[in-house]
Amino acid sequence: MTSPLASLGVSSPWGTWIVEGDHDGLTTIHLPGARRRAHGAPSPLVRAAARQLEQYFAGRRTTFELDLHVSGTEFQTRVWTQLAGVPFGTTVTYRDLAEAVGHPRAYRAVGSTNAKNPFPVVIPCHRVVASGGLGGYAGGLDIKRGLLALEDLTL
């Protein structure tokens, strides 16, 4: 039996992020502007995820220790797994990430996969940049610039 989903809002300089999950772990983190879809009492894991995001936004956390329910195609999960290993304060290009997952010409597919990332910040798609500059971000370039600045990165 699956436990019910619950969500918590986490304030940031760019708006409220929504952490959603159940008693087994997180199912998604919604970018600012999303509405809460889940109701009920947040599990300890959802509360822990919200607390860790708050610490990150306050500049007191550089890594996350969370149970994630990652679901996607084989390619997507490979990209997200590789992306999860990009350290705080560093960036990689879409091309670098495509090469790392064994598909050196699939940098556009990597960009599309990043846009579908169910766990922004925790799986740090904001750390992926274009060869010639910033690149895109599902939450908008202002949020991407802000997250990079939080990690002392500027482009």
C-alpha atoms as a PDB file:
ATOM      1  CA  MET A   1       0.000   0.000   0.000  1.00  0.00           C
ATOM      2  CA  THR A   2       1.330   3.409  -0.971  1.00  0.00           C
ATOM      3  CA  SER A   3       1.223   6.207   1.549  1.00  0.00           C
ATOM      4  CA  PRO A   4      -0.582   9.419   0.561  1.00  0.00           C
ATOM      5  CA  LEU A   5       1.347  12.262  -1.025  1.00  0.00           C
ATOM      6  CA  ALA A   6       1.821  15.433   0.945  1.00  0.00           C
ATOM      7  CA  SER A   7       3.626  18.656   0.202  1.00  0.00           C
ATOM      8  CA  LEU A   8       5.363  21.543   1.911  1.00  0.00           C
ATOM      9  CA  GLY A   9       6.270  24.960   0.594  1.00  0.00           C
ATOM     10  CA  VAL A  10       9.834  26.245   0.902  1.00  0.00           C
ATOM     11  CA  SER A  11      10.499  29.970   0.589  1.00  0.00           C
ATOM     12  CA  SER A  12      13.392  31.192  -1.498  1.00  0.00           C
ATOM     13  CA  PRO A  13      14.465  34.541  -2.917  1.00  0.00           C
ATOM     14  CA  TRP A  14      12.681  33.513  -6.147  1.00  0.00           C
ATOM     15  CA  GLY A  15       9.389  32.327  -4.703  1.00  0.00           C
ATOM     16  CA  THR A  16       8.010  29.216  -3.065  1.00  0.00           C
ATOM     17  CA  TRP A  17       9.246  25.779  -4.110  1.00  0.00           C
ATOM     18  CA  ILE A  18       6.924  22.836  -3.398  1.00  0.00           C
ATOM     19  CA  VAL A  19       8.430  19.629  -1.968  1.00  0.00           C
ATOM     20  CA  GLU A  20       6.156  16.652  -2.560  1.00  0.00           C
ATOM     21  CA  GLY A  21       6.463  13.081  -1.342  1.00  0.00           C
ATOM     22  CA  ASP A  22       5.238  10.320   0.887  1.00  0.00           C
ATOM     23  CA  HIS A  23       6.586   8.204   3.750  1.00  0.00           C
ATOM     24  CA  ASP A  24       9.021   6.451   1.401  1.00  0.00           C
ATOM     25  CA  GLY A  25      10.662   9.546  -0.070  1.00  0.00           C
ATOM     26  CA  LEU A  26      10.300  12.488  -2.413  1.00  0.00           C
ATOM     27  CA  THR A  27       8.334  12.307  -5.639  1.00  0.00           C
ATOM     28  CA  THR A  28       9.064  15.798  -6.962  1.00  0.00           C
ATOM     29  CA  ILE A  29      10.142  19.330  -6.207  1.00  0.00           C
ATOM     30  CA  HIS A  30       8.086  21.951  -8.028  1.00  0.00           C
ATOM     31  CA  LEU A  31       9.642  25.224  -9.145  1.00  0.00           C
ATOM     32  CA  PRO A  32       8.193  28.524  -7.889  1.00  0.00           C
ATOM     33  CA  GLY A  33       4.792  29.269  -9.352  1.00  0.00           C
ATOM     34  CA  ALA A  34       3.493  25.700  -9.057  1.00  0.00           C
ATOM     35  CA  ARG A  35       0.440  24.942  -6.978  1.00  0.00           C
ATOM     36  CA  ARG A  36       0.377  22.340  -4.277  1.00  0.00           C
ATOM     37  CA  ARG A  37      -1.223  19.195  -5.586  1.00  0.00           C
ATOM     38  CA  ALA A  38      -0.843  16.906  -2.602  1.00  0.00           C
ATOM     39  CA  HIS A  39      -2.630  17.208   0.696  1.00  0.00           C
ATOM     40  CA  GLY A  40      -2.208  15.602   4.042  1.00  0.00           C
ATOM     41  CA  ALA A  41       0.388  15.635   6.756  1.00  0.00           C
ATOM     42  CA  PRO A  42       3.944  15.752   5.374  1.00  0.00           C
ATOM     43  CA  SER A  43       6.062  12.753   6.279  1.00  0.00           C
ATOM     44  CA  PRO A  44       9.355  13.151   8.141  1.00  0.00           C
ATOM     45  CA  LEU A  45      11.127  12.658   4.788  1.00  0.00           C
ATOM     46  CA  VAL A  46       9.206  15.531   3.173  1.00  0.00           C
ATOM     47  CA  ARG A  47       9.938  17.722   6.202  1.00  0.00           C
ATOM     48  CA  ALA A  48      13.633  16.802   6.020  1.00  0.00           C
ATOM     49  CA  ALA A  49      13.735  17.682   2.314  1.00  0.00           C
ATOM     50  CA  ALA A  50      12.091  21.042   2.975  1.00  0.00           C
ATOM     51  CA  ARG A  51      14.573  21.740   5.773  1.00  0.00           C
ATOM     52  CA  GLN A  52      17.537  20.840   3.540  1.00  0.00           C
ATOM     53  CA  LEU A  53      16.256  23.119   0.756  1.00  0.00           C
ATOM     54  CA  GLU A  54      15.830  25.958   3.271  1.00  0.00           C
ATOM     55  CA  GLN A  55      19.433  25.415   4.393  1.00  0.00           C
ATOM     56  CA  TYR A  56      20.644  25.444   0.780  1.00  0.00           C
ATOM     57  CA  PHE A  57      18.801  28.696   0.019  1.00  0.00           C
ATOM     58  CA  ALA A  58      20.300  30.214   3.195  1.00  0.00           C
ATOM     59  CA  GLY A  59      23.810  29.239   2.058  1.00  0.00           C
ATOM     60  CA  ARG A  60      24.273  26.641   4.811  1.00  0.00           C
ATOM     61  CA  ARG A  61      24.111  23.435   2.726  1.00  0.00           C
ATOM     62  CA  THR A  62      26.047  22.251  -0.324  1.00  0.00           C
ATOM     63  CA  THR A  63      24.839  18.627  -0.624  1.00  0.00           C
ATOM     64  CA  PHE A  64      21.578  16.801  -0.057  1.00  0.00           C
ATOM     65  CA  GLU A  65      20.806  13.542   1.723  1.00  0.00           C
ATOM     66  CA  LEU A  66      17.350  12.549   0.518  1.00  0.00           C
ATOM     67  CA  ASP A  67      15.409   9.498  -0.635  1.00  0.00           C
ATOM     68  CA  LEU A  68      14.247  10.303  -4.171  1.00  0.00           C
ATOM     69  CA  HIS A  69      11.695   8.406  -6.260  1.00  0.00           C
ATOM     70  CA  VAL A  70      13.344   8.989  -9.639  1.00  0.00           C
ATOM     71  CA  SER A  71      11.254   7.858 -12.581  1.00  0.00           C
ATOM     72  CA  GLY A  72      12.075   8.333 -16.250  1.00  0.00           C
ATOM     73  CA  THR A  73      13.415   6.695 -19.365  1.00  0.00           C
ATOM     74  CA  GLU A  74      16.769   4.940 -19.280  1.00  0.00           C
ATOM     75  CA  PHE A  75      18.403   7.966 -20.922  1.00  0.00           C
ATOM     76  CA  GLN A  76      16.774  10.402 -18.483  1.00  0.00           C
ATOM     77  CA  THR A  77      17.817   8.438 -15.416  1.00  0.00           C
ATOM     78  CA  ARG A  78      21.394   8.194 -16.728  1.00  0.00           C
ATOM     79  CA  VAL A  79      21.512  11.951 -17.288  1.00  0.00           C
ATOM     80  CA  TRP A  80      20.015  12.709 -13.864  1.00  0.00           C
ATOM     81  CA  THR A  81      22.371  10.256 -12.145  1.00  0.00           C
ATOM     82  CA  GLN A  82      25.370  11.874 -13.836  1.00  0.00           C
ATOM     83  CA  LEU A  83      24.020  15.327 -13.048  1.00  0.00           C
ATOM     84  CA  ALA A  84      23.585  14.470  -9.380  1.00  0.00           C
ATOM     85  CA  GLY A  85      27.373  14.068  -9.219  1.00  0.00           C
ATOM     86  CA  VAL A  86      28.149  17.618 -10.374  1.00  0.00           C
ATOM     87  CA  PRO A  87      29.574  19.242  -7.233  1.00  0.00           C
ATOM     88  CA  PHE A  88      28.370  22.453  -5.623  1.00  0.00           C
ATOM     89  CA  GLY A  89      30.105  25.475  -7.120  1.00  0.00           C
ATOM     90  CA  THR A  90      30.929  23.883 -10.472  1.00  0.00           C
ATOM     91  CA  THR A  91      29.268  23.769 -13.867  1.00  0.00           C
ATOM     92  CA  VAL A  92      29.284  21.417 -16.822  1.00  0.00           C
ATOM     93  CA  THR A  93      28.132  22.022 -20.375  1.00  0.00           C
ATOM     94  CA  TYR A  94      25.288  20.204 -22.069  1.00  0.00           C
ATOM     95  CA  ARG A  95      27.915  18.672 -24.350  1.00  0.00           C
ATOM     96  CA  ASP A  96      30.035  17.510 -21.367  1.00  0.00           C
ATOM     97  CA  LEU A  97      26.998  15.845 -19.855  1.00  0.00           C
ATOM     98  CA  ALA A  98      26.050  14.196 -23.159  1.00  0.00           C
ATOM     99  CA  GLU A  99      29.577  12.808 -23.477  1.00  0.00           C
ATOM    100  CA  ALA A 100      29.515  11.579 -19.871  1.00  0.00           C
ATOM    101  CA  VAL A 101      26.386   9.494 -20.538  1.00  0.00           C
ATOM    102  CA  GLY A 102      27.857   8.012 -23.721  1.00  0.00           C
ATOM    103  CA  HIS A 103      25.902  10.085 -26.267  1.00  0.00           C
ATOM    104  CA  PRO A 104      28.276  12.903 -27.265  1.00  0.00           C
ATOM    105  CA  ARG A 105      25.944  14.358 -29.889  1.00  0.00           C
ATOM    106  CA  ALA A 106      22.820  14.264 -27.710  1.00  0.00           C
ATOM    107  CA  TYR A 107      23.346  17.607 -25.999  1.00  0.00           C
ATOM    108  CA  ARG A 108      19.868  18.812 -27.051  1.00  0.00           C
ATOM    109  CA  ALA A 109      18.343  15.667 -25.555  1.00  0.00           C
ATOM    110  CA  VAL A 110      20.318  16.414 -22.391  1.00  0.00           C
ATOM    111  CA  GLY A 111      18.784  19.905 -22.346  1.00  0.00           C
ATOM    112  CA  SER A 112      15.302  18.449 -22.772  1.00  0.00           C
ATOM    113  CA  THR A 113      15.977  15.952 -19.983  1.00  0.00           C
ATOM    114  CA  ASN A 114      17.140  18.750 -17.694  1.00  0.00           C
ATOM    115  CA  ALA A 115      13.878  20.605 -18.347  1.00  0.00           C
ATOM    116  CA  LYS A 116      12.005  17.503 -17.103  1.00  0.00           C
ATOM    117  CA  ASN A 117      14.136  17.106 -13.970  1.00  0.00           C
ATOM    118  CA  PRO A 118      11.716  16.181 -11.154  1.00  0.00           C
ATOM    119  CA  PHE A 119      14.120  17.379  -8.435  1.00  0.00           C
ATOM    120  CA  PRO A 120      15.551  20.802  -9.345  1.00  0.00           C
ATOM    121  CA  VAL A 121      18.353  21.973  -7.051  1.00  0.00           C
ATOM    122  CA  VAL A 122      18.749  18.490  -5.514  1.00  0.00           C
ATOM    123  CA  ILE A 123      19.591  17.111  -8.961  1.00  0.00           C
ATOM    124  CA  PRO A 124      21.351  20.339  -9.929  1.00  0.00           C
ATOM    125  CA  CYS A 125      20.255  21.042 -13.506  1.00  0.00           C
ATOM    126  CA  HIS A 126      21.016  24.730 -12.880  1.00  0.00           C
ATOM    127  CA  ARG A 127      24.709  23.751 -13.009  1.00  0.00           C
ATOM    128  CA  VAL A 128      24.442  22.787 -16.687  1.00  0.00           C
ATOM    129  CA  VAL A 129      25.350  25.633 -19.024  1.00  0.00           C
ATOM    130  CA  ALA A 130      25.695  26.158 -22.746  1.00  0.00           C
ATOM    131  CA  SER A 131      29.164  26.154 -24.291  1.00  0.00           C
ATOM    132  CA  GLY A 132      28.810  29.856 -25.018  1.00  0.00           C
ATOM    133  CA  GLY A 133      27.000  31.022 -21.900  1.00  0.00           C
ATOM    134  CA  LEU A 134      24.126  30.456 -19.561  1.00  0.00           C
ATOM    135  CA  GLY A 135      21.770  28.165 -21.490  1.00  0.00           C
ATOM    136  CA  GLY A 136      18.172  27.661 -20.388  1.00  0.00           C
ATOM    137  CA  TYR A 137      16.346  26.721 -17.216  1.00  0.00           C
ATOM    138  CA  ALA A 138      12.796  25.451 -16.717  1.00  0.00           C
ATOM    139  CA  GLY A 139      12.292  27.911 -13.861  1.00  0.00           C
ATOM    140  CA  GLY A 140      13.569  30.859 -15.875  1.00  0.00           C
ATOM    141  CA  LEU A 141      16.964  32.457 -16.254  1.00  0.00           C
ATOM    142  CA  ASP A 142      16.553  34.733 -13.225  1.00  0.00           C
ATOM    143  CA  ILE A 143      16.273  31.689 -10.960  1.00  0.00           C
ATOM    144  CA  LYS A 144      19.188  29.968 -12.719  1.00  0.00           C
ATOM    145  CA  ARG A 145      21.379  33.057 -12.297  1.00  0.00           C
ATOM    146  CA  GLY A 146      20.336  33.286  -8.644  1.00  0.00           C
ATOM    147  CA  LEU A 147      21.131  29.646  -7.921  1.00  0.00           C
ATOM    148  CA  LEU A 148      24.518  29.960  -9.630  1.00  0.00           C
ATOM    149  CA  ALA A 149      25.243  33.161  -7.665  1.00  0.00           C
ATOM    150  CA  LEU A 150      24.322  31.337  -4.452  1.00  0.00           C
ATOM    151  CA  GLU A 151      27.127  28.928  -5.365  1.00  0.00           C
ATOM    152  CA  ASP A 152      29.487  31.829  -6.178  1.00  0.00           C
ATOM    153  CA  LEU A 153      29.261  31.180  -9.908  1.00  0.00           C
ATOM    154  CA  THR A 154      28.644  33.865 -12.498  1.00  0.00           C
ATOM    155  CA  LEU A 155      28.256  33.586 -16.272  1.00  0.00           C
END
